[in-house]
Amino acid sequence: MNKIFIFLLQHNLFDVIQDKIVALMQFDDDKQAVAAAAAVTEVKEKSKYGEDDDIEGRPAVSMLIKNTDRIPIATVVNQLKNQPRLCHIYLNALFQKVAFIHLPIYYLLIYLFIYVSFA
């Protein structure tokens, strides 16, 4: 896990990052892009349904999912509503880790699957 996320967790800085979810997710996304460019030999076939957007290698997503009591799902979704791809990554990972998800959020995830598939 990146030193930034370790620092945030060790010092319990959830109040500080509550309004910076988009920036955290974009940092995660930028890191993923750099890692993908460095690992050209390990090319993965991309699924049109976004199944390659797993939680591995995404410390922001992992941290947000493990701490839904400190940063509620609704807060994250509200901040990511203008970033459909990032919202899809978060909700897809959340749905894989949490058996129960509120129905409106589940409907949003279905919409984002469709949106990301055709974008």
Foldseek 3Di string as FASTA:
>chain_A
DDPVLVVCVVVVVLVVCLLVLVVLLVVLVVQVVVVCVVPVVPDDDADLQRPVLECPSRSSLVVCLVPCVSRPPVSNCVNCVVPLVSLLSNLVRNVVVDVDDDPVSVVSNVVSSVVSSVD
